[in-house]
C-alpha atoms as a PDB file:
ATOM      1  CA  MET A   1      68.155  11.401  63.276  1.00  0.00           C
ATOM      2  CA  LYS A   2      71.874  10.545  64.352  1.00  0.00           C
ATOM      3  CA  PHE A   3      74.475  11.084  67.430  1.00  0.00           C
ATOM      4  CA  ILE A   4      78.403  11.966  66.807  1.00  0.00           C
ATOM      5  CA  ASP A   5      80.062  11.130  69.671  1.00  0.00           C
ATOM      6  CA  PRO A   6      83.394  13.082  70.981  1.00  0.00           C
ATOM      7  CA  LYS A   7      85.913  10.781  68.633  1.00  0.00           C
ATOM      8  CA  THR A   8      83.845  11.493  65.553  1.00  0.00           C
ATOM      9  CA  ILE A   9      83.691  14.568  66.241  1.00  0.00           C
ATOM     10  CA  ASP A  10      87.388  15.003  67.111  1.00  0.00           C
ATOM     11  CA  GLY A  11      88.272  13.549  63.856  1.00  0.00           C
ATOM     12  CA  ALA A  12      86.015  14.813  61.136  1.00  0.00           C
ATOM     13  CA  ALA A  13      87.821  18.434  60.242  1.00  0.00           C
ATOM     14  CA  THR A  14      91.421  18.906  60.797  1.00  0.00           C
ATOM     15  CA  LEU A  15      92.508  21.925  62.644  1.00  0.00           C
ATOM     16  CA  THR A  16      92.452  24.337  59.801  1.00  0.00           C
ATOM     17  CA  GLU A  17      89.000  23.713  58.421  1.00  0.00           C
ATOM     18  CA  TRP A  18      88.063  24.380  62.160  1.00  0.00           C
ATOM     19  CA  VAL A  19      89.583  27.885  62.788  1.00  0.00           C
ATOM     20  CA  GLU A  20      88.290  28.487  58.767  1.00  0.00           C
ATOM     21  CA  ALA A  21      84.740  27.830  59.937  1.00  0.00           C
ATOM     22  CA  MET A  22      85.106  29.725  63.109  1.00  0.00           C
ATOM     23  CA  GLU A  23      86.397  32.361  60.929  1.00  0.00           C
ATOM     24  CA  GLN A  24      83.426  32.017  58.755  1.00  0.00           C
ATOM     25  CA  ALA A  25      81.022  32.421  61.753  1.00  0.00           C
ATOM     26  CA  ILE A  26      83.052  35.173  63.214  1.00  0.00           C
ATOM     27  CA  VAL A  27      82.185  37.241  60.278  1.00  0.00           C
ATOM     28  CA  PHE A  28      78.778  35.764  59.828  1.00  0.00           C
ATOM     29  CA  SER A  29      77.883  37.069  63.417  1.00  0.00           C
ATOM     30  CA  LEU A  30      78.004  40.814  62.492  1.00  0.00           C
ATOM     31  CA  SER A  31      74.954  40.249  59.893  1.00  0.00           C
ATOM     32  CA  GLN A  32      71.278  40.449  60.387  1.00  0.00           C
ATOM     33  CA  ASP A  33      70.750  36.712  58.690  1.00  0.00           C
ATOM     34  CA  TYR A  34      69.998  34.797  62.082  1.00  0.00           C
ATOM     35  CA  ILE A  35      67.958  34.999  64.827  1.00  0.00           C
ATOM     36  CA  MET A  36      69.635  34.082  68.416  1.00  0.00           C
ATOM     37  CA  PRO A  37      68.489  35.836  71.656  1.00  0.00           C
ATOM     38  CA  GLN A  38      70.373  35.996  74.493  1.00  0.00           C
ATOM     39  CA  ARG A  39      71.910  32.659  76.418  1.00  0.00           C
ATOM     40  CA  MET A  40      69.593  31.960  79.169  1.00  0.00           C
ATOM     41  CA  HIS A  41      71.348  31.953  82.333  1.00  0.00           C
ATOM     42  CA  LEU A  42      69.605  29.077  85.272  1.00  0.00           C
ATOM     43  CA  ASP A  43      72.019  30.169  88.181  1.00  0.00           C
ATOM     44  CA  SER A  44      71.864  27.785  91.591  1.00  0.00           C
ATOM     45  CA  GLY A  45      74.298  28.282  94.166  1.00  0.00           C
ATOM     46  CA  ASP A  46      77.514  27.951  92.146  1.00  0.00           C
ATOM     47  CA  ASP A  47      76.372  25.695  89.752  1.00  0.00           C
ATOM     48  CA  THR A  48      75.312  27.240  85.925  1.00  0.00           C
ATOM     49  CA  PHE A  49      72.770  25.974  83.220  1.00  0.00           C
ATOM     50  CA  LEU A  50      72.793  27.471  79.806  1.00  0.00           C
ATOM     51  CA  ILE A  51      70.058  27.291  76.889  1.00  0.00           C
ATOM     52  CA  MET A  52      71.761  28.743  73.564  1.00  0.00           C
ATOM     53  CA  PRO A  53      69.492  28.727  70.698  1.00  0.00           C
ATOM     54  CA  CYS A  54      70.752  30.356  67.005  1.00  0.00           C
ATOM     55  CA  LEU A  55      68.643  29.904  63.876  1.00  0.00           C
ATOM     56  CA  THR A  56      69.361  30.697  60.496  1.00  0.00           C
ATOM     57  CA  LYS A  57      68.049  30.023  57.457  1.00  0.00           C
ATOM     58  CA  GLU A  58      69.634  26.220  56.475  1.00  0.00           C
ATOM     59  CA  TYR A  59      69.885  24.908  60.442  1.00  0.00           C
ATOM     60  CA  TRP A  60      69.269  25.740  63.875  1.00  0.00           C
ATOM     61  CA  VAL A  61      71.196  24.973  66.948  1.00  0.00           C
ATOM     62  CA  THR A  62      69.969  24.633  70.629  1.00  0.00           C
ATOM     63  CA  LYS A  63      73.144  23.724  73.074  1.00  0.00           C
ATOM     64  CA  LEU A  64      72.168  22.953  77.077  1.00  0.00           C
ATOM     65  CA  VAL A  65      75.556  23.509  78.953  1.00  0.00           C
ATOM     66  CA  SER A  66      75.532  22.355  82.827  1.00  0.00           C
ATOM     67  CA  PHE A  67      78.746  23.625  84.548  1.00  0.00           C
ATOM     68  CA  CYS A  68      78.964  21.924  88.173  1.00  0.00           C
ATOM     69  CA  PRO A  69      82.472  22.817  89.641  1.00  0.00           C
ATOM     70  CA  GLY A  70      82.011  20.953  92.962  1.00  0.00           C
ATOM     71  CA  ASN A  71      82.206  17.646  90.184  1.00  0.00           C
ATOM     72  CA  MET A  72      85.793  17.691  90.739  1.00  0.00           C
ATOM     73  CA  SER A  73      85.479  16.395  94.060  1.00  0.00           C
ATOM     74  CA  MET A  74      83.242  13.589  92.631  1.00  0.00           C
ATOM     75  CA  ASP A  75      86.209  12.978  89.992  1.00  0.00           C
ATOM     76  CA  LEU A  76      83.967  14.161  87.273  1.00  0.00           C
ATOM     77  CA  PRO A  77      83.626  17.020  84.491  1.00  0.00           C
ATOM     78  CA  SER A  78      82.859  19.896  85.860  1.00  0.00           C
ATOM     79  CA  ILE A  79      81.148  21.216  82.728  1.00  0.00           C
ATOM     80  CA  TYR A  80      78.130  18.815  80.416  1.00  0.00           C
ATOM     81  CA  GLY A  81      77.233  20.015  77.051  1.00  0.00           C
ATOM     82  CA  THR A  82      74.655  18.569  74.499  1.00  0.00           C
ATOM     83  CA  VAL A  83      73.817  20.274  71.267  1.00  0.00           C
ATOM     84  CA  VAL A  84      71.140  19.398  68.719  1.00  0.00           C
ATOM     85  CA  LEU A  85      70.860  20.069  65.509  1.00  0.00           C
ATOM     86  CA  SER A  86      67.926  20.599  63.037  1.00  0.00           C
ATOM     87  CA  ARG A  87      66.979  21.863  59.358  1.00  0.00           C
ATOM     88  CA  THR A  88      65.674  24.895  59.477  1.00  0.00           C
ATOM     89  CA  GLY A  89      62.887  24.859  56.642  1.00  0.00           C
ATOM     90  CA  SER A  90      61.541  22.038  57.770  1.00  0.00           C
ATOM     91  CA  GLY A  91      62.347  21.652  61.416  1.00  0.00           C
ATOM     92  CA  GLU A  92      63.985  18.290  60.629  1.00  0.00           C
ATOM     93  CA  PRO A  93      66.011  17.227  63.552  1.00  0.00           C
ATOM     94  CA  LEU A  94      69.437  16.222  62.170  1.00  0.00           C
ATOM     95  CA  ALA A  95      71.976  15.268  65.078  1.00  0.00           C
ATOM     96  CA  ILE A  96      72.226  15.096  68.425  1.00  0.00           C
ATOM     97  CA  LEU A  97      76.183  16.118  69.056  1.00  0.00           C
ATOM     98  CA  GLU A  98      78.435  15.599  72.103  1.00  0.00           C
ATOM     99  CA  GLY A  99      78.784  19.347  73.389  1.00  0.00           C
ATOM    100  CA  ASN A 100      81.860  19.061  75.365  1.00  0.00           C
ATOM    101  CA  LYS A 101      83.926  18.250  72.036  1.00  0.00           C
ATOM    102  CA  ILE A 102      81.863  20.770  70.124  1.00  0.00           C
ATOM    103  CA  THR A 103      82.703  23.770  72.825  1.00  0.00           C
ATOM    104  CA  SER A 104      86.231  22.397  73.477  1.00  0.00           C
ATOM    105  CA  LEU A 105      87.007  22.783  69.778  1.00  0.00           C
ATOM    106  CA  ARG A 106      85.217  25.548  68.687  1.00  0.00           C
ATOM    107  CA  THR A 107      86.309  28.028  71.511  1.00  0.00           C
ATOM    108  CA  ALA A 108      90.501  27.025  70.477  1.00  0.00           C
ATOM    109  CA  ALA A 109      89.360  27.633  67.491  1.00  0.00           C
ATOM    110  CA  ILE A 110      88.656  31.284  67.983  1.00  0.00           C
ATOM    111  CA  SER A 111      91.040  31.611  70.183  1.00  0.00           C
ATOM    112  CA  ALA A 112      93.518  30.393  67.680  1.00  0.00           C
ATOM    113  CA  LEU A 113      91.508  33.309  65.262  1.00  0.00           C
ATOM    114  CA  GLY A 114      92.958  35.475  68.193  1.00  0.00           C
ATOM    115  CA  ILE A 115      96.569  34.798  67.942  1.00  0.00           C
ATOM    116  CA  LYS A 116      96.277  34.505  63.447  1.00  0.00           C
ATOM    117  CA  TYR A 117      95.429  38.116  63.390  1.00  0.00           C
ATOM    118  CA  LEU A 118      96.736  39.695  66.489  1.00  0.00           C
ATOM    119  CA  ALA A 119     100.159  38.022  67.582  1.00  0.00           C
ATOM    120  CA  PRO A 120     103.255  38.548  66.045  1.00  0.00           C
ATOM    121  CA  GLU A 121     103.967  36.101  62.566  1.00  0.00           C
ATOM    122  CA  GLY A 122     106.909  35.231  64.313  1.00  0.00           C
ATOM    123  CA  ALA A 123     106.330  34.553  68.507  1.00  0.00           C
ATOM    124  CA  GLU A 124     107.264  30.935  69.311  1.00  0.00           C
ATOM    125  CA  SER A 125     106.742  30.884  72.994  1.00  0.00           C
ATOM    126  CA  LEU A 126     102.771  30.296  74.127  1.00  0.00           C
ATOM    127  CA  GLY A 127     102.008  30.195  77.852  1.00  0.00           C
ATOM    128  CA  ILE A 128      98.846  28.058  79.023  1.00  0.00           C
ATOM    129  CA  VAL A 129      97.443  29.109  82.192  1.00  0.00           C
ATOM    130  CA  GLY A 130      94.862  26.627  83.573  1.00  0.00           C
ATOM    131  CA  THR A 131      95.860  23.128  82.072  1.00  0.00           C
ATOM    132  CA  GLY A 132      92.222  21.272  82.142  1.00  0.00           C
ATOM    133  CA  VAL A 133      90.563  19.550  78.572  1.00  0.00           C
ATOM    134  CA  GLN A 134      90.478  23.411  77.296  1.00  0.00           C
ATOM    135  CA  GLY A 135      93.893  24.035  77.833  1.00  0.00           C
ATOM    136  CA  ILE A 136      94.705  21.188  75.762  1.00  0.00           C
ATOM    137  CA  GLN A 137      92.725  21.889  72.722  1.00  0.00           C
ATOM    138  CA  GLN A 138      93.840  25.572  73.401  1.00  0.00           C
ATOM    139  CA  ALA A 139      97.105  24.570  73.246  1.00  0.00           C
ATOM    140  CA  ARG A 140      96.963  22.790  70.044  1.00  0.00           C
ATOM    141  CA  PHE A 141      95.182  25.025  68.269  1.00  0.00           C
ATOM    142  CA  ALA A 142      97.507  27.984  69.084  1.00  0.00           C
ATOM    143  CA  CYS A 143      99.976  25.376  67.539  1.00  0.00           C
ATOM    144  CA  SER A 144      98.242  25.430  64.012  1.00  0.00           C
ATOM    145  CA  VAL A 145      98.644  29.252  63.833  1.00  0.00           C
ATOM    146  CA  ARG A 146     101.948  30.012  65.031  1.00  0.00           C
ATOM    147  CA  ASN A 147     105.240  27.979  64.801  1.00  0.00           C
ATOM    148  CA  ILE A 148     105.394  27.846  68.798  1.00  0.00           C
ATOM    149  CA  LYS A 149     108.554  25.722  69.799  1.00  0.00           C
ATOM    150  CA  GLN A 150     108.313  26.575  73.873  1.00  0.00           C
ATOM    151  CA  ILE A 151     105.418  25.810  75.549  1.00  0.00           C
ATOM    152  CA  ASN A 152     104.759  26.954  79.502  1.00  0.00           C
ATOM    153  CA  ILE A 153     102.119  25.979  81.281  1.00  0.00           C
ATOM    154  CA  TYR A 154     100.586  26.411  84.927  1.00  0.00           C
ATOM    155  CA  ASP A 155      97.722  25.027  87.176  1.00  0.00           C
ATOM    156  CA  LYS A 156      97.471  24.785  90.826  1.00  0.00           C
ATOM    157  CA  SER A 157      96.153  20.927  89.525  1.00  0.00           C
ATOM    158  CA  GLU A 158      99.230  18.321  89.732  1.00  0.00           C
ATOM    159  CA  LYS A 159      96.839  15.833  87.671  1.00  0.00           C
ATOM    160  CA  SER A 160      95.845  18.343  85.179  1.00  0.00           C
ATOM    161  CA  ILE A 161      99.476  18.988  84.490  1.00  0.00           C
ATOM    162  CA  SER A 162     100.539  15.099  84.287  1.00  0.00           C
ATOM    163  CA  ALA A 163      97.561  14.717  81.892  1.00  0.00           C
ATOM    164  CA  PHE A 164      98.400  17.967  79.160  1.00  0.00           C
ATOM    165  CA  MET A 165     101.824  16.772  79.171  1.00  0.00           C
ATOM    166  CA  LYS A 166     100.842  13.371  78.557  1.00  0.00           C
ATOM    167  CA  GLU A 167      98.611  14.104  75.652  1.00  0.00           C
ATOM    168  CA  PHE A 168      99.369  17.303  74.010  1.00  0.00           C
ATOM    169  CA  LYS A 169     103.823  15.434  74.004  1.00  0.00           C
ATOM    170  CA  SER A 170     101.930  12.982  72.355  1.00  0.00           C
ATOM    171  CA  GLU A 171     100.960  14.623  69.626  1.00  0.00           C
ATOM    172  CA  PHE A 172     103.776  17.213  69.311  1.00  0.00           C
ATOM    173  CA  PRO A 173     106.724  15.492  70.657  1.00  0.00           C
ATOM    174  CA  ASN A 174     109.579  18.054  69.447  1.00  0.00           C
ATOM    175  CA  ILE A 175     107.852  20.874  70.734  1.00  0.00           C
ATOM    176  CA  ASN A 176     109.578  21.200  74.212  1.00  0.00           C
ATOM    177  CA  THR A 177     107.371  21.795  77.260  1.00  0.00           C
ATOM    178  CA  SER A 178     107.772  23.569  80.593  1.00  0.00           C
ATOM    179  CA  VAL A 179     106.161  23.706  83.815  1.00  0.00           C
ATOM    180  CA  SER A 180     106.474  27.390  85.330  1.00  0.00           C
ATOM    181  CA  SER A 181     106.938  27.462  89.103  1.00  0.00           C
ATOM    182  CA  ASP A 182     103.774  30.634  89.367  1.00  0.00           C
ATOM    183  CA  THR A 183     101.917  33.185  86.559  1.00  0.00           C
ATOM    184  CA  GLU A 184     104.381  35.459  86.713  1.00  0.00           C
ATOM    185  CA  ASP A 185     107.323  33.035  85.590  1.00  0.00           C
ATOM    186  CA  LEU A 186     105.192  31.837  83.275  1.00  0.00           C
ATOM    187  CA  CYS A 187     104.243  35.343  81.406  1.00  0.00           C
ATOM    188  CA  SER A 188     107.585  36.592  81.506  1.00  0.00           C
ATOM    189  CA  ALA A 189     108.867  33.434  79.359  1.00  0.00           C
ATOM    190  CA  SER A 190     106.013  33.520  76.846  1.00  0.00           C
ATOM    191  CA  GLU A 191     104.810  36.171  73.774  1.00  0.00           C
ATOM    192  CA  ILE A 192     101.397  34.577  73.199  1.00  0.00           C
ATOM    193  CA  ILE A 193      99.035  34.242  76.762  1.00  0.00           C
ATOM    194  CA  ILE A 194      95.963  31.975  77.238  1.00  0.00           C
ATOM    195  CA  THR A 195      94.280  31.823  80.664  1.00  0.00           C
ATOM    196  CA  ALA A 196      91.408  28.931  81.085  1.00  0.00           C
ATOM    197  CA  THR A 197      90.327  29.214  84.393  1.00  0.00           C
ATOM    198  CA  ASN A 198      87.197  29.226  86.597  1.00  0.00           C
ATOM    199  CA  SER A 199      89.223  31.299  88.788  1.00  0.00           C
ATOM    200  CA  ARG A 200      86.795  34.541  90.446  1.00  0.00           C
ATOM    201  CA  TYR A 201      89.939  36.342  90.700  1.00  0.00           C
ATOM    202  CA  PRO A 202      92.955  37.460  88.869  1.00  0.00           C
ATOM    203  CA  VAL A 203      95.129  34.855  87.835  1.00  0.00           C
ATOM    204  CA  PHE A 204      98.530  37.627  87.472  1.00  0.00           C
ATOM    205  CA  PRO A 205      99.742  39.479  90.025  1.00  0.00           C
ATOM    206  CA  ASP A 206      98.840  43.501  89.297  1.00  0.00           C
ATOM    207  CA  LYS A 207     102.411  44.645  87.876  1.00  0.00           C
ATOM    208  CA  LYS A 208     102.066  46.482  84.947  1.00  0.00           C
ATOM    209  CA  GLY A 209     105.576  45.483  82.844  1.00  0.00           C
ATOM    210  CA  LEU A 210     104.728  41.803  83.300  1.00  0.00           C
ATOM    211  CA  PHE A 211     102.229  42.343  80.131  1.00  0.00           C
ATOM    212  CA  GLU A 212     103.984  44.776  77.980  1.00  0.00           C
ATOM    213  CA  GLY A 213     104.562  43.609  74.623  1.00  0.00           C
ATOM    214  CA  LYS A 214     102.453  40.274  74.903  1.00  0.00           C
ATOM    215  CA  THR A 215      99.517  38.875  72.924  1.00  0.00           C
ATOM    216  CA  PHE A 216      96.938  37.444  75.498  1.00  0.00           C
ATOM    217  CA  ILE A 217      93.910  35.344  74.515  1.00  0.00           C
ATOM    218  CA  GLY A 218      91.348  35.638  77.839  1.00  0.00           C
ATOM    219  CA  VAL A 219      89.014  32.527  77.546  1.00  0.00           C
ATOM    220  CA  GLY A 220      88.027  31.672  81.431  1.00  0.00           C
ATOM    221  CA  SER A 221      86.291  34.741  83.236  1.00  0.00           C
ATOM    222  CA  TYR A 222      82.725  33.949  81.415  1.00  0.00           C
ATOM    223  CA  LYS A 223      80.372  35.166  84.544  1.00  0.00           C
ATOM    224  CA  LYS A 224      80.035  38.750  85.645  1.00  0.00           C
ATOM    225  CA  GLU A 225      81.827  38.747  88.580  1.00  0.00           C
ATOM    226  CA  SER A 226      84.769  36.583  87.495  1.00  0.00           C
ATOM    227  CA  ARG A 227      88.209  38.185  86.183  1.00  0.00           C
ATOM    228  CA  GLU A 228      91.582  36.644  85.002  1.00  0.00           C
ATOM    229  CA  TYR A 229      93.074  39.974  84.650  1.00  0.00           C
ATOM    230  CA  PRO A 230      94.154  42.945  87.196  1.00  0.00           C
ATOM    231  CA  ASP A 231      93.635  46.333  86.906  1.00  0.00           C
ATOM    232  CA  SER A 232      97.017  47.200  85.943  1.00  0.00           C
ATOM    233  CA  PHE A 233      96.995  44.622  82.339  1.00  0.00           C
ATOM    234  CA  PHE A 234      94.201  47.208  80.768  1.00  0.00           C
ATOM    235  CA  ASN A 235      96.193  50.074  81.045  1.00  0.00           C
ATOM    236  CA  LEU A 236      98.095  48.553  78.218  1.00  0.00           C
ATOM    237  CA  PRO A 237      96.405  47.836  75.190  1.00  0.00           C
ATOM    238  CA  ASP A 238      94.474  50.682  73.639  1.00  0.00           C
ATOM    239  CA  GLN A 239      92.177  47.910  71.308  1.00  0.00           C
ATOM    240  CA  VAL A 240      90.330  45.109  73.294  1.00  0.00           C
ATOM    241  CA  PHE A 241      89.107  42.544  70.666  1.00  0.00           C
ATOM    242  CA  VAL A 242      86.151  40.351  71.780  1.00  0.00           C
ATOM    243  CA  ASP A 243      84.615  37.061  69.532  1.00  0.00           C
ATOM    244  CA  THR A 244      81.007  38.764  70.025  1.00  0.00           C
ATOM    245  CA  VAL A 245      79.727  42.273  71.263  1.00  0.00           C
ATOM    246  CA  HIS A 246      77.482  40.830  74.133  1.00  0.00           C
ATOM    247  CA  ALA A 247      80.436  39.548  76.091  1.00  0.00           C
ATOM    248  CA  LYS A 248      80.508  43.420  76.543  1.00  0.00           C
ATOM    249  CA  LYS A 249      78.028  42.013  79.157  1.00  0.00           C
ATOM    250  CA  GLU A 250      78.646  39.448  80.247  1.00  0.00           C
ATOM    251  CA  SER A 251      82.654  38.774  81.158  1.00  0.00           C
ATOM    252  CA  GLY A 252      84.038  40.706  83.820  1.00  0.00           C
ATOM    253  CA  ASP A 253      86.891  41.107  82.509  1.00  0.00           C
ATOM    254  CA  LEU A 254      85.460  43.373  80.163  1.00  0.00           C
ATOM    255  CA  ILE A 255      82.760  44.583  82.419  1.00  0.00           C
ATOM    256  CA  PHE A 256      84.980  45.804  85.504  1.00  0.00           C
ATOM    257  CA  PRO A 257      87.350  47.841  83.594  1.00  0.00           C
ATOM    258  CA  VAL A 258      85.361  49.427  81.442  1.00  0.00           C
ATOM    259  CA  THR A 259      83.055  50.009  84.560  1.00  0.00           C
ATOM    260  CA  GLU A 260      86.132  51.891  86.339  1.00  0.00           C
ATOM    261  CA  LYS A 261      87.463  53.287  83.254  1.00  0.00           C
ATOM    262  CA  LEU A 262      90.296  51.600  82.812  1.00  0.00           C
ATOM    263  CA  ILE A 263      89.207  51.121  78.918  1.00  0.00           C
ATOM    264  CA  PRO A 264      87.058  53.484  76.898  1.00  0.00           C
ATOM    265  CA  ASP A 265      83.784  51.054  75.962  1.00  0.00           C
ATOM    266  CA  GLU A 266      84.563  52.292  72.372  1.00  0.00           C
ATOM    267  CA  CYS A 267      87.598  50.677  72.368  1.00  0.00           C
ATOM    268  CA  ILE A 268      86.688  47.693  72.325  1.00  0.00           C
ATOM    269  CA  TYR A 269      85.529  45.641  68.863  1.00  0.00           C
ATOM    270  CA  SER A 270      84.640  42.660  66.818  1.00  0.00           C
ATOM    271  CA  LEU A 271      87.216  40.669  66.210  1.00  0.00           C
ATOM    272  CA  GLY A 272      85.267  40.497  62.619  1.00  0.00           C
ATOM    273  CA  SER A 273      85.742  43.437  62.149  1.00  0.00           C
ATOM    274  CA  LEU A 274      89.156  43.486  62.171  1.00  0.00           C
ATOM    275  CA  ILE A 275      89.057  40.261  59.926  1.00  0.00           C
ATOM    276  CA  LYS A 276      86.659  41.919  57.917  1.00  0.00           C
ATOM    277  CA  GLY A 277      89.184  45.452  57.349  1.00  0.00           C
ATOM    278  CA  ASP A 278      86.969  47.265  58.596  1.00  0.00           C
ATOM    279  CA  ILE A 279      89.298  48.702  61.808  1.00  0.00           C
ATOM    280  CA  SER A 280      93.138  48.450  61.744  1.00  0.00           C
ATOM    281  CA  LEU A 281      95.321  47.271  63.942  1.00  0.00           C
ATOM    282  CA  THR A 282      97.197  50.053  66.083  1.00  0.00           C
ATOM    283  CA  ALA A 283     101.022  50.152  66.556  1.00  0.00           C
ATOM    284  CA  ARG A 284     100.643  49.533  70.446  1.00  0.00           C
ATOM    285  CA  PRO A 285     102.159  45.858  70.778  1.00  0.00           C
ATOM    286  CA  THR A 286     100.303  44.363  73.724  1.00  0.00           C
ATOM    287  CA  LYS A 287      97.060  42.781  72.126  1.00  0.00           C
ATOM    288  CA  PHE A 288      93.792  41.353  74.487  1.00  0.00           C
ATOM    289  CA  PHE A 289      91.220  39.078  72.974  1.00  0.00           C
ATOM    290  CA  LYS A 290      88.400  38.282  74.578  1.00  0.00           C
ATOM    291  CA  THR A 291      86.186  35.166  73.914  1.00  0.00           C
ATOM    292  CA  VAL A 292      83.120  34.056  75.930  1.00  0.00           C
ATOM    293  CA  GLY A 293      81.559  31.994  73.147  1.00  0.00           C
ATOM    294  CA  SER A 294      77.811  31.976  71.254  1.00  0.00           C
ATOM    295  CA  ALA A 295      75.294  29.801  70.008  1.00  0.00           C
ATOM    296  CA  ILE A 296      76.198  30.594  66.343  1.00  0.00           C
ATOM    297  CA  PHE A 297      79.489  29.187  67.232  1.00  0.00           C
ATOM    298  CA  ASP A 298      77.944  26.041  68.377  1.00  0.00           C
ATOM    299  CA  LEU A 299      76.299  26.089  64.677  1.00  0.00           C
ATOM    300  CA  TYR A 300      78.685  26.090  62.593  1.00  0.00           C
ATOM    301  CA  ALA A 301      81.127  23.999  64.521  1.00  0.00           C
ATOM    302  CA  ALA A 302      77.347  21.069  64.746  1.00  0.00           C
ATOM    303  CA  LYS A 303      77.213  22.176  60.987  1.00  0.00           C
ATOM    304  CA  LEU A 304      81.031  21.397  60.147  1.00  0.00           C
ATOM    305  CA  ALA A 305      80.849  18.015  61.841  1.00  0.00           C
ATOM    306  CA  TYR A 306      77.672  17.120  60.545  1.00  0.00           C
ATOM    307  CA  GLU A 307      78.369  17.569  56.949  1.00  0.00           C
ATOM    308  CA  LYS A 308      82.413  16.375  57.164  1.00  0.00           C
ATOM    309  CA  THR A 309      80.462  12.583  58.882  1.00  0.00           C
ATOM    310  CA  SER A 310      77.259  12.738  56.789  1.00  0.00           C
END
């Protein structure tokens, strides 16, 4: 059994290959050819511990994730993860992979799919709310599916902003990057907006006109009580897309608007259905894709990293 470290995972495949792998995973998730129980949540105060297994005919994977927001005060990452990949036929353990890197890459690749299928092809401006590790990856992958010329960023942490600017500009020196004064300024200046925060409350002011005609990718809000988007936002899109249908029971950004009848449950669709051609986009220009993640995506990500490095 091998250990695949973050640097090796990062160099195992191109951004395009990651997006292609997640496209395969999101379509496969609509089939019945796998076993995947709902992720197990173990909550202890503000800390959350997750166990996420998935089994296909080829591989089975289990991801262990901890989210401890208090770690930031100790200058430690708030999220730790470990992925174990095994062969299904024999049960043989094949690899242990560093889970944070797997999660950040597959999450950003899935968001890129949302941009690929929902955002106008000519979109050139991108807004990132939340400039942590996930925000950096989100920006990288967004630039792989659209010709982004301007990035606007916002974060409450000057340290995160500084780290984002340094890392992103080293890879994309020709893309103009600006720090927005607030989320309203960022939204006004961007055609595509990605929210990647740990906020429990909406990160935008409740102004309907602020959101019209734009494409939004929601990455945060993975708990039932957490929201990144205000009430008026949900009056605009007539289709809401998710990475997996269980997102409707897991994210406050879907639970709340359905409960409050801001959006009908039957207007929430799997992005995989759009990719397969089972449904079509409506003409309404405001688009929303919500991703909460799934063990099937971890399996495809671990498979990609393992096979590319074996």
